[in-house]
Amino acid sequence: MANKILNEMIFKPALDYIDDGHIHGVLSPFEPGERILKAGTQIAPEFKSLSKDIRMLKDVAVKMRDGVTIYTDIYMPANSKETKFPTLILWSPYGKSAGSAPRYTNLFNMIGMGNSWNSGLTKFEGADPDYWCQRGYAVCNPDPRGIAHSEGNITLMGSQEAEDCYDLIEWIAKQEWSNEKTALTGTSYLAFSQWFIAATQPLHLTCINPHEGLSDAYRDLACNGGIPDKNFIERLQVNHVSAVSSTMREDMTDEMKEYPLADAPLWLDKKADISNISIPVYCVASYSNTLHTMGTFRQWRKIRTQDKWLRIHNTQEWPDYYSDAGQEDRQKFFDYYLKEIDNGWKETPHVRYSLLDMEGGDLLNIPAKEFGYGENVEYIKFYLDGKLRELSKVASTEEVIAKYDTQGLPGRISFMTTFDEETNLVGYPKLHLYAEVEGADDADVFVWMQKLDKNGNMLAEITVPNHSASIYDFVDDGASIIRYKGSWGRLRLSMRHLDEKESTDEVPAYSFDRVEKLEKGQVVEADIVMSPIGLKFYKGESIRVIISPKEEYGNGMMPGTSGCTPNNKGWQIIHTGGDKASYLQLPVLKK
């Protein structure tokens, strides 16, 4: 039976799949069958040689519940004493053989990782079969429906993909080489797909390992802060390629126009409902990923299972996921649950967070019971002073406005405070504004919280290995996921309405189910949700919070992809002091 949500989707013809053994990877030609990849084999010159013999089942047909057939590659140990293996599943539309495709090898070269760290069998952003097969695991790289030679039409996130992976998991459990235990792992798309899949409760899904991934297509991707942004979606949909001429692909950019509010059935289907997830979860996050940070922390807060762990690192997702320490930590988690090895994983602190100083002194793996809450964290209000442009713990009794022309210079306002003692911020900041517009009925507001050193210099960290001049060309004005500059947030004021069930004082949540335009002279209250932080300030260092009508943090998340286009005109006005005391709320770690 077809999934009813398909009726809400907008489809266009899929892009062509070129099966030449190059564009989509060395092993992309459709060649069903079994083969042994011998130790010492090099898939291509830039990759490392295989460590041991690997048994590869190529282009295996798996039938879904509605009769559609998808194809998957499966890798497992060859010549092993064991005959049954736990399976790691990598679910994404990026091509099961595309780990050796130029678009990905060039990307890893650009960020400074190179490609010699992996075997070339690695699905983009997934687990390397060479690493895991030699440790007694099978790795399953599927092409979801519609991708490459898989049948059906391509969908983007949501229940259709979740149902399909459910069927794949249960198919794996019945295979003669399976020990009936499976797990999901991977970064980005391979992370956020895990929330949807696990929510369907496959009988043989043992645990999941989401490593930085959004969790709500409307809030994290299409309309972050209620501001439409189609540019990264268009880049994502380039992966929707099919070798079958009749295949159609879902077009989320058209769906953004058709369904502008988050309560549309289509968007509700693309919001992972994790209330049903009870299996163990090892979640990995960072403060710096402008695509994934908000969604990752949101799911961590909401997930109900008691067997959950969070580790917050200080780099970009790919260097961390493939680091030796990251791999070993992940193996300990998987060994415990998929192989039932008593290795002490359960004694791992449920939270390990990082505390950044942006000066070479980052602290990692700080153990805690929770993140951003508890008796050790105090949420303190720093009030905006429109006259002095300061942040003060005491609100001014005088009401003062601060305003800026959205079409002129400097086109922003900012407020600062300097710490007179070492101060650590760990948790969830927010900006509460009393705002007004002049010459408009709406406003797109962008917020950026900078750290300034004792000399007033803005501090930032490159999060990838490449620190050459070329990387700065990308990150000076964009590519925000690879340069961390502090906490950020955004909001379209007409979308300010809060979801009463989801919101807390520390972390507001928007309903995005209505548009409330501003009338002339109307002053509205608005909470701007900001990204979580773990940030150290030494004595004499400062915070500067910038309020702007444009994205100053970085116009676009990825190199070569622009960000959203604000819809602003006229003046934006911030009220401070008196009975309209706007404030920045910060999570201060008690000494």
Protein backbone atom coordinates (compact mmCIF):
# COMPACT_ATOMS: atom_id res chain seq x y z
CA MET A 1 0.00 0.00 0.00
CA ALA A 2 1.35 3.41 -0.95
CA ASN A 3 2.22 5.91 1.77
CA LYS A 4 -0.52 8.55 1.85
CA ILE A 5 1.96 11.39 2.35
CA LEU A 6 3.04 10.90 -1.28
CA ASN A 7 -0.18 12.66 -2.27
CA GLU A 8 1.06 15.84 -0.58
CA MET A 9 4.43 15.85 -2.34
CA ILE A 10 5.38 17.73 -5.49
CA PHE A 11 7.39 15.68 -7.98
CA LYS A 12 9.61 16.49 -10.96
CA PRO A 13 11.64 14.21 -13.24
CA ALA A 14 14.74 12.79 -11.58
CA LEU A 15 18.18 13.77 -12.79
CA ASP A 16 20.09 11.34 -15.01
CA TYR A 17 22.37 8.72 -13.47
CA ILE A 18 25.55 8.35 -15.52
CA ASP A 19 26.81 4.82 -14.98
CA ASP A 20 30.38 5.23 -16.22
CA GLY A 21 32.36 4.01 -13.21
CA HIS A 22 33.63 7.54 -12.59
CA ILE A 23 31.03 10.22 -11.83
CA HIS A 24 29.29 8.06 -9.20
CA GLY A 25 32.31 6.07 -8.11
CA VAL A 26 34.56 3.25 -9.22
CA LEU A 27 32.08 0.52 -8.23
CA SER A 28 28.94 2.27 -9.51
CA PRO A 29 28.23 0.04 -12.61
CA PHE A 30 25.27 -2.28 -12.00
CA GLU A 31 26.86 -5.72 -11.55
CA PRO A 32 24.81 -7.97 -9.22
CA GLY A 33 26.76 -10.79 -7.65
CA GLU A 34 29.30 -11.79 -5.02
CA ARG A 35 33.00 -11.11 -5.08
CA ILE A 36 36.01 -11.18 -2.76
CA LEU A 37 37.98 -7.95 -2.46
CA LYS A 38 41.47 -9.13 -1.56
CA ALA A 39 43.66 -7.61 1.12
CA GLY A 40 46.05 -5.11 -0.45
CA THR A 41 43.53 -4.07 -3.13
CA GLN A 42 43.42 -0.34 -3.83
CA ILE A 43 40.07 0.85 -5.21
CA ALA A 44 41.76 3.93 -6.67
CA PRO A 45 45.21 5.51 -6.16
CA GLU A 46 44.09 8.12 -3.58
CA PHE A 47 42.70 5.52 -1.14
CA LYS A 48 44.40 3.19 1.30
CA SER A 49 44.76 -0.52 0.52
CA LEU A 50 42.30 -2.97 2.04
CA SER A 51 43.51 -4.39 5.35
CA LYS A 52 41.90 -7.81 5.01
CA ASP A 53 39.82 -9.79 2.53
CA ILE A 54 36.26 -8.48 2.29
CA ARG A 55 33.25 -10.36 0.97
CA MET A 56 31.13 -8.00 -1.13
CA LEU A 57 27.53 -8.70 -2.11
CA LYS A 58 26.92 -6.19 -4.90
CA ASP A 59 23.60 -4.78 -6.12
CA VAL A 60 21.49 -7.05 -3.91
CA ALA A 61 17.76 -6.69 -4.57
CA VAL A 62 15.54 -5.99 -1.54
CA LYS A 63 11.76 -5.73 -1.95
CA MET A 64 9.82 -3.13 0.02
CA ARG A 65 6.33 -3.66 1.45
CA ASP A 66 4.69 -1.98 -1.57
CA GLY A 67 6.55 -4.17 -4.08
CA VAL A 68 9.25 -1.64 -5.01
CA THR A 69 12.77 -3.09 -5.26
CA ILE A 70 15.81 -1.22 -4.00
CA TYR A 71 19.44 -2.28 -4.36
CA THR A 72 22.16 -2.39 -1.76
CA ASP A 73 25.84 -3.28 -1.47
CA ILE A 74 26.86 -5.32 1.56
CA TYR A 75 30.38 -5.82 2.89
CA MET A 76 31.40 -8.38 5.49
CA PRO A 77 34.50 -10.19 6.69
CA ALA A 78 35.82 -12.95 4.44
CA ASN A 79 37.57 -16.05 5.77
CA SER A 80 36.37 -15.27 9.29
CA LYS A 81 35.84 -17.79 12.07
CA GLU A 82 32.55 -16.04 12.67
CA THR A 83 29.75 -16.66 10.20
CA LYS A 84 27.16 -14.20 11.49
CA PHE A 85 27.75 -10.50 11.91
CA PRO A 86 26.01 -7.41 13.28
CA THR A 87 25.25 -4.92 10.53
CA LEU A 88 25.83 -1.17 10.33
CA ILE A 89 23.38 0.52 7.95
CA LEU A 90 24.14 3.82 6.14
CA TRP A 91 20.89 5.36 4.88
CA SER A 92 21.14 8.33 2.50
CA PRO A 93 20.57 9.27 -1.17
CA TYR A 94 24.26 9.92 -1.83
CA GLY A 95 24.98 6.77 -3.83
CA LYS A 96 26.07 3.47 -2.33
CA SER A 97 29.27 3.48 -4.42
CA ALA A 98 29.90 7.22 -4.46
CA GLY A 99 32.63 7.30 -1.82
CA SER A 100 35.14 7.31 -4.67
CA ALA A 101 33.22 9.90 -6.76
CA PRO A 102 35.15 13.09 -7.63
CA ARG A 103 32.58 15.37 -5.97
CA TYR A 104 33.36 13.80 -2.60
CA THR A 105 37.07 13.15 -2.99
CA ASN A 106 37.49 16.78 -4.03
CA LEU A 107 35.51 17.93 -1.01
CA PHE A 108 37.70 16.01 1.43
CA ASN A 109 40.78 17.39 -0.31
CA MET A 110 39.40 20.91 0.02
CA ILE A 111 38.88 20.71 3.78
CA GLY A 112 42.35 19.19 4.27
CA MET A 113 41.46 15.59 5.21
CA GLY A 114 42.55 14.09 1.90
CA ASN A 115 41.31 10.58 1.09
CA SER A 116 44.02 8.21 2.28
CA TRP A 117 42.20 7.73 5.59
CA ASN A 118 39.58 5.50 3.92
CA SER A 119 39.32 2.54 1.55
CA GLY A 120 37.13 4.14 -1.12
CA LEU A 121 34.33 1.72 -0.20
CA THR A 122 33.00 4.33 2.23
CA LYS A 123 29.60 5.78 1.49
CA PHE A 124 29.80 9.57 1.80
CA GLU A 125 29.49 10.49 5.50
CA GLY A 126 29.21 6.83 6.51
CA ALA A 127 31.26 4.04 8.05
CA ASP A 128 34.29 2.67 6.17
CA PRO A 129 33.70 -1.05 5.41
CA ASP A 130 37.43 -1.77 5.61
CA TYR A 131 37.61 -0.49 9.19
CA TRP A 132 34.48 -2.27 10.38
CA CYS A 133 34.79 -5.56 8.51
CA GLN A 134 38.17 -6.21 10.08
CA ARG A 135 36.44 -5.72 13.45
CA GLY A 136 33.73 -8.27 12.75
CA TYR A 137 30.91 -6.15 11.36
CA ALA A 138 28.93 -6.14 8.14
CA VAL A 139 28.26 -2.78 6.45
CA CYS A 140 25.15 -2.16 4.36
CA ASN A 141 25.18 0.69 1.80
CA PRO A 142 21.68 0.97 0.25
CA ASP A 143 20.43 3.14 -2.58
CA PRO A 144 16.99 4.33 -1.38
CA ARG A 145 14.03 4.12 -3.72
CA GLY A 146 14.54 5.97 -6.98
CA ILE A 147 18.30 6.47 -6.52
CA ALA A 148 20.52 4.96 -9.24
CA HIS A 149 18.99 1.57 -10.17
CA SER A 150 16.53 1.34 -7.28
CA GLU A 151 12.89 1.43 -8.31
CA GLY A 152 10.22 3.94 -7.29
CA ASN A 153 10.13 7.70 -6.92
CA ILE A 154 12.62 9.63 -4.80
CA THR A 155 11.42 11.24 -1.57
CA LEU A 156 13.34 13.57 0.72
CA MET A 157 13.19 12.71 4.43
CA GLY A 158 10.16 11.52 6.34
CA SER A 159 8.01 8.42 6.73
CA GLN A 160 8.55 6.90 3.26
CA GLU A 161 12.29 6.60 3.80
CA ALA A 162 11.70 5.39 7.36
CA GLU A 163 9.34 2.63 6.20
CA ASP A 164 11.79 1.53 3.52
CA CYS A 165 14.70 1.27 5.92
CA TYR A 166 12.45 -0.60 8.37
CA ASP A 167 11.88 -3.18 5.63
CA LEU A 168 15.61 -3.32 4.87
CA ILE A 169 16.44 -3.90 8.55
CA GLU A 170 13.98 -6.77 8.82
CA TRP A 171 15.30 -8.27 5.56
CA ILE A 172 18.87 -8.15 6.92
CA ALA A 173 17.81 -9.95 10.10
CA LYS A 174 16.68 -12.93 8.00
CA GLN A 175 19.95 -13.35 6.07
CA GLU A 176 22.21 -16.31 6.81
CA TRP A 177 25.17 -14.00 7.52
CA SER A 178 23.28 -11.78 10.03
CA ASN A 179 23.35 -12.12 13.81
CA GLU A 180 19.97 -10.33 13.74
CA LYS A 181 21.36 -7.15 15.32
CA THR A 182 21.61 -3.91 13.35
CA ALA A 183 22.56 -0.29 14.01
CA LEU A 184 22.40 2.99 12.15
CA THR A 185 25.37 5.35 11.98
CA GLY A 186 26.76 8.24 9.95
CA THR A 187 26.80 12.03 9.82
CA SER A 188 24.45 14.66 8.36
CA TYR A 189 21.76 12.96 6.20
CA LEU A 190 22.91 9.61 7.58
CA ALA A 191 22.32 11.03 11.06
CA PHE A 192 18.94 12.70 10.74
CA SER A 193 17.47 9.75 8.82
CA GLN A 194 18.14 7.70 11.97
CA TRP A 195 15.57 9.61 14.02
CA PHE A 196 12.82 8.87 11.48
CA ILE A 197 13.81 5.21 11.06
CA ALA A 198 14.16 4.45 14.78
CA ALA A 199 10.76 6.03 15.43
CA THR A 200 9.14 3.21 13.38
CA GLN A 201 10.56 0.72 15.91
CA PRO A 202 12.06 -1.96 13.65
CA LEU A 203 12.20 -5.20 15.61
CA HIS A 204 15.88 -5.78 14.79
CA LEU A 205 17.24 -2.25 15.17
CA THR A 206 19.41 -2.51 18.27
CA CYS A 207 20.86 1.00 18.66
CA ILE A 208 21.59 4.21 16.74
CA ASN A 209 24.51 6.60 16.45
CA PRO A 210 23.35 9.96 14.99
CA HIS A 211 26.45 12.11 14.49
CA GLU A 212 25.31 15.69 13.79
CA GLY A 213 22.11 15.85 11.80
CA LEU A 214 19.03 18.02 11.62
CA SER A 215 15.74 16.61 12.87
CA ASP A 216 13.00 18.82 11.41
CA ALA A 217 13.05 19.66 7.71
CA TYR A 218 10.99 22.82 8.15
CA ARG A 219 12.77 24.32 11.17
CA ASP A 220 16.31 23.18 10.44
CA LEU A 221 16.47 23.29 6.66
CA ALA A 222 13.67 24.95 4.69
CA CYS A 223 12.69 27.80 7.04
CA ASN A 224 15.22 28.20 9.84
CA GLY A 225 13.77 30.91 12.09
CA GLY A 226 10.77 31.10 9.77
CA ILE A 227 12.95 32.57 6.99
CA PRO A 228 12.80 30.55 3.73
CA ASP A 229 16.14 29.31 2.40
CA LYS A 230 16.09 27.08 -0.67
CA ASN A 231 19.75 27.25 -1.68
CA PHE A 232 21.14 24.31 0.29
CA ILE A 233 18.06 22.24 -0.57
CA GLU A 234 18.78 22.76 -4.26
CA ARG A 235 22.33 21.54 -3.66
CA LEU A 236 21.03 18.53 -1.74
CA GLN A 237 18.56 17.57 -4.48
CA VAL A 238 21.36 17.34 -7.06
CA ASN A 239 21.90 13.86 -5.58
CA HIS A 240 18.49 12.69 -6.78
CA VAL A 241 19.72 10.79 -9.82
CA SER A 242 18.14 7.73 -11.42
CA ALA A 243 19.04 5.24 -14.12
CA VAL A 244 15.32 4.64 -14.74
CA SER A 245 13.88 7.19 -17.16
CA SER A 246 10.41 7.29 -15.57
CA THR A 247 11.63 8.08 -12.05
CA MET A 248 10.35 11.23 -10.39
CA ARG A 249 11.94 13.13 -7.50
CA GLU A 250 10.35 15.15 -4.74
CA ASP A 251 11.07 18.88 -5.07
CA MET A 252 11.16 20.49 -1.65
CA THR A 253 11.75 23.98 -3.07
CA ASP A 254 8.34 23.88 -4.75
CA GLU A 255 6.84 22.45 -1.57
CA MET A 256 8.16 25.44 0.36
CA LYS A 257 6.02 27.70 -1.83
CA GLU A 258 2.97 25.43 -1.69
CA TYR A 259 3.13 24.84 2.08
CA PRO A 260 4.54 27.96 3.79
CA LEU A 261 3.59 26.93 7.36
CA ALA A 262 4.95 24.10 9.50
CA ASP A 263 1.57 22.58 10.37
CA ALA A 264 1.04 21.33 6.81
CA PRO A 265 0.87 17.48 6.72
CA LEU A 266 3.95 17.38 4.49
CA TRP A 267 6.12 19.19 7.05
CA LEU A 268 4.68 17.25 9.97
CA ASP A 269 5.80 14.10 8.15
CA LYS A 270 9.32 15.55 7.92
CA LYS A 271 9.54 16.24 11.65
CA ALA A 272 10.91 13.19 13.40
CA ASP A 273 8.63 11.97 16.20
CA ILE A 274 11.07 10.43 18.64
CA SER A 275 8.57 9.65 21.39
CA ASN A 276 8.62 6.00 20.31
CA ILE A 277 12.39 5.60 20.44
CA SER A 278 13.46 3.44 23.38
CA ILE A 279 16.64 1.82 22.07
CA PRO A 280 20.14 3.03 23.09
CA VAL A 281 21.35 6.24 21.44
CA TYR A 282 24.91 7.55 21.18
CA CYS A 283 24.55 11.09 19.87
CA VAL A 284 27.43 13.32 18.77
CA ALA A 285 27.16 17.09 18.37
CA SER A 286 29.15 20.29 17.97
CA TYR A 287 28.42 23.95 18.67
CA SER A 288 29.65 25.03 15.25
CA ASN A 289 27.49 23.33 12.63
CA THR A 290 25.01 25.93 11.38
CA LEU A 291 23.02 23.19 9.63
CA HIS A 292 22.96 20.48 12.30
CA THR A 293 23.63 21.94 15.74
CA MET A 294 20.08 23.06 16.58
CA GLY A 295 18.43 19.82 15.47
CA THR A 296 20.97 17.56 17.15
CA PHE A 297 20.61 19.23 20.54
CA ARG A 298 16.81 19.37 20.18
CA GLN A 299 16.60 15.61 19.72
CA TRP A 300 19.01 15.00 22.56
CA ARG A 301 16.82 17.03 24.92
CA LYS A 302 13.60 15.31 23.82
CA ILE A 303 14.62 11.67 23.53
CA ARG A 304 13.10 9.62 26.33
CA THR A 305 15.30 6.55 26.47
CA GLN A 306 17.46 6.33 29.57
CA ASP A 307 20.27 4.68 27.60
CA LYS A 308 21.45 7.82 25.86
CA TRP A 309 24.85 9.43 25.55
CA LEU A 310 25.97 12.79 24.19
CA ARG A 311 29.47 13.81 23.17
CA ILE A 312 30.14 17.38 22.03
CA HIS A 313 33.38 17.84 20.07
CA ASN A 314 35.20 20.95 18.85
CA THR A 315 35.72 20.37 15.11
CA GLN A 316 33.65 19.82 11.97
CA GLU A 317 31.63 16.60 11.74
CA TRP A 318 33.81 14.70 9.22
CA PRO A 319 37.21 15.07 10.94
CA ASP A 320 35.60 14.00 14.20
CA TYR A 321 33.61 11.07 12.78
CA TYR A 322 36.66 9.54 11.10
CA SER A 323 39.20 10.34 13.82
CA ASP A 324 40.85 7.39 15.56
CA ALA A 325 39.33 8.43 18.89
CA GLY A 326 35.88 8.86 17.36
CA GLN A 327 35.99 5.45 15.66
CA GLU A 328 37.23 3.69 18.80
CA ASP A 329 34.54 5.30 20.94
CA ARG A 330 31.85 4.28 18.45
CA GLN A 331 33.18 0.73 18.34
CA LYS A 332 32.96 0.47 22.12
CA PHE A 333 29.27 1.47 21.93
CA PHE A 334 28.54 -0.96 19.10
CA ASP A 335 30.55 -3.82 20.64
CA TYR A 336 28.52 -3.48 23.83
CA TYR A 337 25.10 -3.55 22.19
CA LEU A 338 25.65 -5.46 18.93
CA LYS A 339 28.18 -8.05 20.17
CA GLU A 340 27.23 -8.06 23.86
CA ILE A 341 30.85 -7.49 24.91
CA ASP A 342 31.10 -6.36 28.53
CA ASN A 343 33.53 -3.50 27.91
CA GLY A 344 32.33 -0.95 30.45
CA TRP A 345 30.43 1.24 27.99
CA LYS A 346 27.57 1.69 30.46
CA GLU A 347 29.96 3.55 32.77
CA THR A 348 30.58 6.18 30.07
CA PRO A 349 29.37 9.61 31.30
CA HIS A 350 26.00 10.38 29.74
CA VAL A 351 27.30 13.78 28.67
CA ARG A 352 30.83 14.69 27.58
CA TYR A 353 31.00 18.31 26.46
CA SER A 354 33.69 20.61 25.16
CA LEU A 355 34.54 24.06 26.48
CA LEU A 356 36.04 26.27 23.79
CA ASP A 357 38.22 29.32 24.30
CA MET A 358 39.08 30.01 20.63
CA GLU A 359 42.66 30.59 21.71
CA GLY A 360 44.12 27.10 21.48
CA GLY A 361 42.97 26.00 24.93
CA ASP A 362 39.78 24.05 24.17
CA LEU A 363 38.86 21.46 26.81
CA LEU A 364 37.30 18.19 25.61
CA ASN A 365 35.31 15.31 27.09
CA ILE A 366 34.23 17.12 30.24
CA PRO A 367 31.91 14.67 32.03
CA ALA A 368 28.43 15.76 33.14
CA LYS A 369 25.02 14.30 33.90
CA GLU A 370 23.23 16.71 31.56
CA PHE A 371 23.95 19.66 29.30
CA GLY A 372 22.75 23.19 29.95
CA TYR A 373 20.67 22.34 33.01
CA GLY A 374 21.13 21.37 36.62
CA GLU A 375 22.32 23.04 39.77
CA ASN A 376 25.66 23.99 38.22
CA VAL A 377 24.14 26.22 35.53
CA GLU A 378 22.48 29.58 36.25
CA TYR A 379 20.62 31.46 33.53
CA ILE A 380 21.42 35.17 33.90
CA LYS A 381 19.84 38.08 32.05
CA PHE A 382 22.11 40.74 30.56
CA TYR A 383 19.94 43.72 29.66
CA LEU A 384 20.47 45.76 26.49
CA ASP A 385 21.22 49.43 27.16
CA GLY A 386 20.34 51.46 24.07
CA LYS A 387 22.11 54.58 25.32
CA LEU A 388 25.46 53.07 26.32
CA ARG A 389 25.27 50.04 24.00
CA GLU A 390 26.17 47.86 26.92
CA LEU A 391 24.92 44.57 28.36
CA SER A 392 24.13 45.02 32.04
CA LYS A 393 22.83 42.72 34.77
CA VAL A 394 20.53 45.55 35.86
CA ALA A 395 18.00 47.00 33.44
CA SER A 396 17.99 50.74 32.93
CA THR A 397 14.91 52.49 34.30
CA GLU A 398 14.91 54.71 31.21
CA GLU A 399 13.41 53.37 28.01
CA VAL A 400 15.70 54.01 25.04
CA ILE A 401 15.33 52.81 21.48
CA ALA A 402 18.16 51.63 19.23
CA LYS A 403 17.37 51.51 15.51
CA TYR A 404 19.04 50.74 12.22
CA ASP A 405 18.24 51.23 8.57
CA THR A 406 17.92 47.83 6.88
CA GLN A 407 19.07 49.34 3.56
CA GLY A 408 21.83 51.62 4.85
CA LEU A 409 25.09 51.61 6.77
CA PRO A 410 26.10 50.38 9.26
CA GLY A 411 22.87 48.39 9.07
CA ARG A 412 23.24 46.80 12.50
CA ILE A 413 23.40 47.53 16.21
CA SER A 414 25.43 45.79 18.88
CA PHE A 415 25.82 45.61 22.66
CA MET A 416 28.83 44.53 24.76
CA THR A 417 29.94 43.52 28.21
CA THR A 418 33.42 42.73 29.57
CA PHE A 419 33.90 40.03 32.18
CA ASP A 420 35.83 40.99 35.31
CA GLU A 421 36.54 37.35 36.15
CA GLU A 422 36.85 34.07 34.28
CA THR A 423 33.38 33.03 33.13
CA ASN A 424 32.21 29.82 31.45
CA LEU A 425 29.00 29.66 29.45
CA VAL A 426 27.55 26.17 29.02
CA GLY A 427 24.03 25.74 27.69
CA TYR A 428 21.39 27.58 25.69
CA PRO A 429 21.51 31.36 25.15
CA LYS A 430 18.55 33.34 23.87
CA LEU A 431 17.80 36.95 22.99
CA HIS A 432 14.51 38.42 24.18
CA LEU A 433 13.60 41.53 22.21
CA TYR A 434 10.99 44.24 22.31
CA ALA A 435 10.96 45.05 18.61
CA GLU A 436 9.23 47.41 16.21
CA VAL A 437 9.43 48.13 12.49
CA GLU A 438 9.16 51.43 10.66
CA GLY A 439 8.24 51.52 6.99
CA ALA A 440 7.48 47.78 6.91
CA ASP A 441 5.14 45.20 8.40
CA ASP A 442 7.71 42.48 9.06
CA ALA A 443 11.40 41.96 9.77
CA ASP A 444 14.02 39.25 9.32
CA VAL A 445 16.34 39.57 12.32
CA PHE A 446 19.75 37.88 12.57
CA VAL A 447 21.77 37.58 15.77
CA TRP A 448 25.44 36.78 16.30
CA MET A 449 27.20 36.60 19.66
CA GLN A 450 30.94 37.19 19.30
CA LYS A 451 33.79 36.57 21.69
CA LEU A 452 36.34 39.41 21.84
CA ASP A 453 39.80 39.05 23.36
CA LYS A 454 41.34 41.54 25.79
CA ASN A 455 42.41 43.72 22.88
CA GLY A 456 38.96 43.78 21.32
CA ASN A 457 39.71 41.33 18.49
CA MET A 458 36.90 39.02 17.34
CA LEU A 459 37.88 35.36 17.86
CA ALA A 460 36.96 32.39 15.68
CA GLU A 461 38.09 28.81 15.01
CA ILE A 462 38.56 26.96 11.74
CA THR A 463 36.98 23.53 12.33
CA VAL A 464 38.69 21.55 9.53
CA PRO A 465 42.35 20.55 9.07
CA ASN A 466 42.93 22.98 6.18
CA HIS A 467 44.09 26.32 7.61
CA SER A 468 45.54 27.63 4.37
CA ALA A 469 44.67 30.91 2.64
CA SER A 470 42.24 29.09 0.35
CA ILE A 471 39.94 28.09 3.20
CA TYR A 472 39.71 31.71 4.36
CA ASP A 473 38.46 32.68 0.91
CA PHE A 474 35.41 30.52 1.61
CA VAL A 475 34.82 31.34 5.27
CA ASP A 476 35.31 35.11 5.32
CA ASP A 477 31.74 35.63 4.08
CA GLY A 478 30.21 32.14 3.98
CA ALA A 479 30.81 28.41 4.55
CA SER A 480 29.72 28.87 8.16
CA ILE A 481 29.98 25.17 9.07
CA ILE A 482 33.78 25.28 8.81
CA ARG A 483 34.49 28.43 10.81
CA TYR A 484 33.06 28.80 14.29
CA LYS A 485 32.48 32.41 15.30
CA GLY A 486 30.18 32.04 18.29
CA SER A 487 26.46 31.52 18.90
CA TRP A 488 23.93 32.55 16.26
CA GLY A 489 20.18 32.79 15.69
CA ARG A 490 17.54 34.20 13.34
CA LEU A 491 13.83 34.96 13.31
CA ARG A 492 11.18 36.43 11.02
CA LEU A 493 9.16 38.52 13.47
CA SER A 494 5.80 37.59 11.94
CA MET A 495 6.66 33.95 12.84
CA ARG A 496 7.44 34.72 16.50
CA HIS A 497 4.53 32.78 18.03
CA LEU A 498 5.75 30.20 20.53
CA ASP A 499 4.66 26.59 20.81
CA GLU A 500 3.31 26.38 24.35
CA LYS A 501 3.89 22.62 24.59
CA GLU A 502 7.46 22.67 23.34
CA SER A 503 8.83 25.94 24.73
CA THR A 504 10.79 26.41 27.92
CA ASP A 505 12.23 29.60 29.34
CA GLU A 506 15.73 28.41 28.44
CA VAL A 507 14.89 27.08 24.97
CA PRO A 508 11.87 28.68 23.26
CA ALA A 509 10.26 26.80 20.37
CA TYR A 510 8.21 28.36 17.59
CA SER A 511 4.92 26.96 16.31
CA PHE A 512 5.43 28.36 12.77
CA ASP A 513 1.72 27.78 12.18
CA ARG A 514 0.64 31.40 11.70
CA VAL A 515 1.79 34.73 10.27
CA GLU A 516 1.37 37.75 12.56
CA LYS A 517 2.38 40.90 10.71
CA LEU A 518 3.31 44.03 12.64
CA GLU A 519 1.12 47.09 12.57
CA LYS A 520 2.49 50.64 12.47
CA GLY A 521 3.83 51.58 15.90
CA GLN A 522 3.27 48.09 17.33
CA VAL A 523 5.97 46.80 19.69
CA VAL A 524 6.14 43.01 19.92
CA GLU A 525 8.02 40.65 22.20
CA ALA A 526 10.10 38.01 20.45
CA ASP A 527 12.47 35.31 21.67
CA ILE A 528 15.30 34.57 19.26
CA VAL A 529 16.58 31.06 19.81
CA MET A 530 20.38 30.92 19.68
CA SER A 531 22.69 27.97 19.17
CA PRO A 532 23.98 26.18 22.29
CA ILE A 533 27.44 27.00 23.53
CA GLY A 534 30.32 25.84 25.68
CA LEU A 535 32.52 28.94 25.73
CA LYS A 536 35.20 30.21 28.11
CA PHE A 537 35.86 33.91 28.73
CA TYR A 538 39.02 34.92 30.55
CA LYS A 539 39.16 38.02 32.73
CA GLY A 540 39.08 41.12 30.54
CA GLU A 541 37.43 39.40 27.56
CA SER A 542 34.06 40.49 26.18
CA ILE A 543 30.81 39.41 24.56
CA ARG A 544 29.42 41.45 21.72
CA VAL A 545 25.92 40.61 20.52
CA ILE A 546 25.08 41.89 17.03
CA ILE A 547 21.52 42.42 15.81
CA SER A 548 21.26 42.79 12.06
CA PRO A 549 18.86 42.61 9.09
CA LYS A 550 21.24 40.26 7.26
CA GLU A 551 23.22 37.09 7.99
CA GLU A 552 26.58 38.39 9.20
CA TYR A 553 27.74 35.08 10.63
CA GLY A 554 28.31 33.68 7.13
CA ASN A 555 26.13 33.86 4.05
CA GLY A 556 25.68 30.17 3.34
CA MET A 557 26.60 26.99 5.20
CA MET A 558 28.71 25.23 2.58
CA PRO A 559 31.44 26.48 0.23
CA GLY A 560 29.86 27.59 -3.03
CA THR A 561 26.30 27.75 -1.65
CA SER A 562 24.70 31.06 -0.74
CA GLY A 563 22.38 31.52 2.22
CA CYS A 564 18.90 32.97 2.50
CA THR A 565 17.85 36.32 1.04
CA PRO A 566 16.24 38.46 3.79
CA ASN A 567 13.01 40.28 3.02
CA ASN A 568 13.62 43.59 4.78
CA LYS A 569 12.91 47.25 4.21
CA GLY A 570 12.61 50.37 6.32
CA TRP A 571 13.96 50.54 9.87
CA GLN A 572 14.17 47.94 12.60
CA ILE A 573 13.82 49.28 16.15
CA ILE A 574 14.91 47.61 19.40
CA HIS A 575 13.43 48.92 22.65
CA THR A 576 15.61 48.79 25.77
CA GLY A 577 15.10 49.68 29.43
CA GLY A 578 11.98 50.71 31.32
CA ASP A 579 9.07 48.33 30.84
CA LYS A 580 10.50 47.17 27.50
CA ALA A 581 13.81 45.85 28.74
CA SER A 582 15.24 43.61 26.01
CA TYR A 583 17.85 41.15 27.28
CA LEU A 584 20.37 38.48 26.36
CA GLN A 585 19.99 35.39 28.58
CA LEU A 586 23.19 33.42 29.11
CA PRO A 587 23.89 30.04 30.76
CA VAL A 588 26.63 30.72 33.32
CA LEU A 589 28.49 27.79 34.86
CA LYS A 590 28.74 28.23 38.60
CA LYS A 591 32.18 28.03 40.13
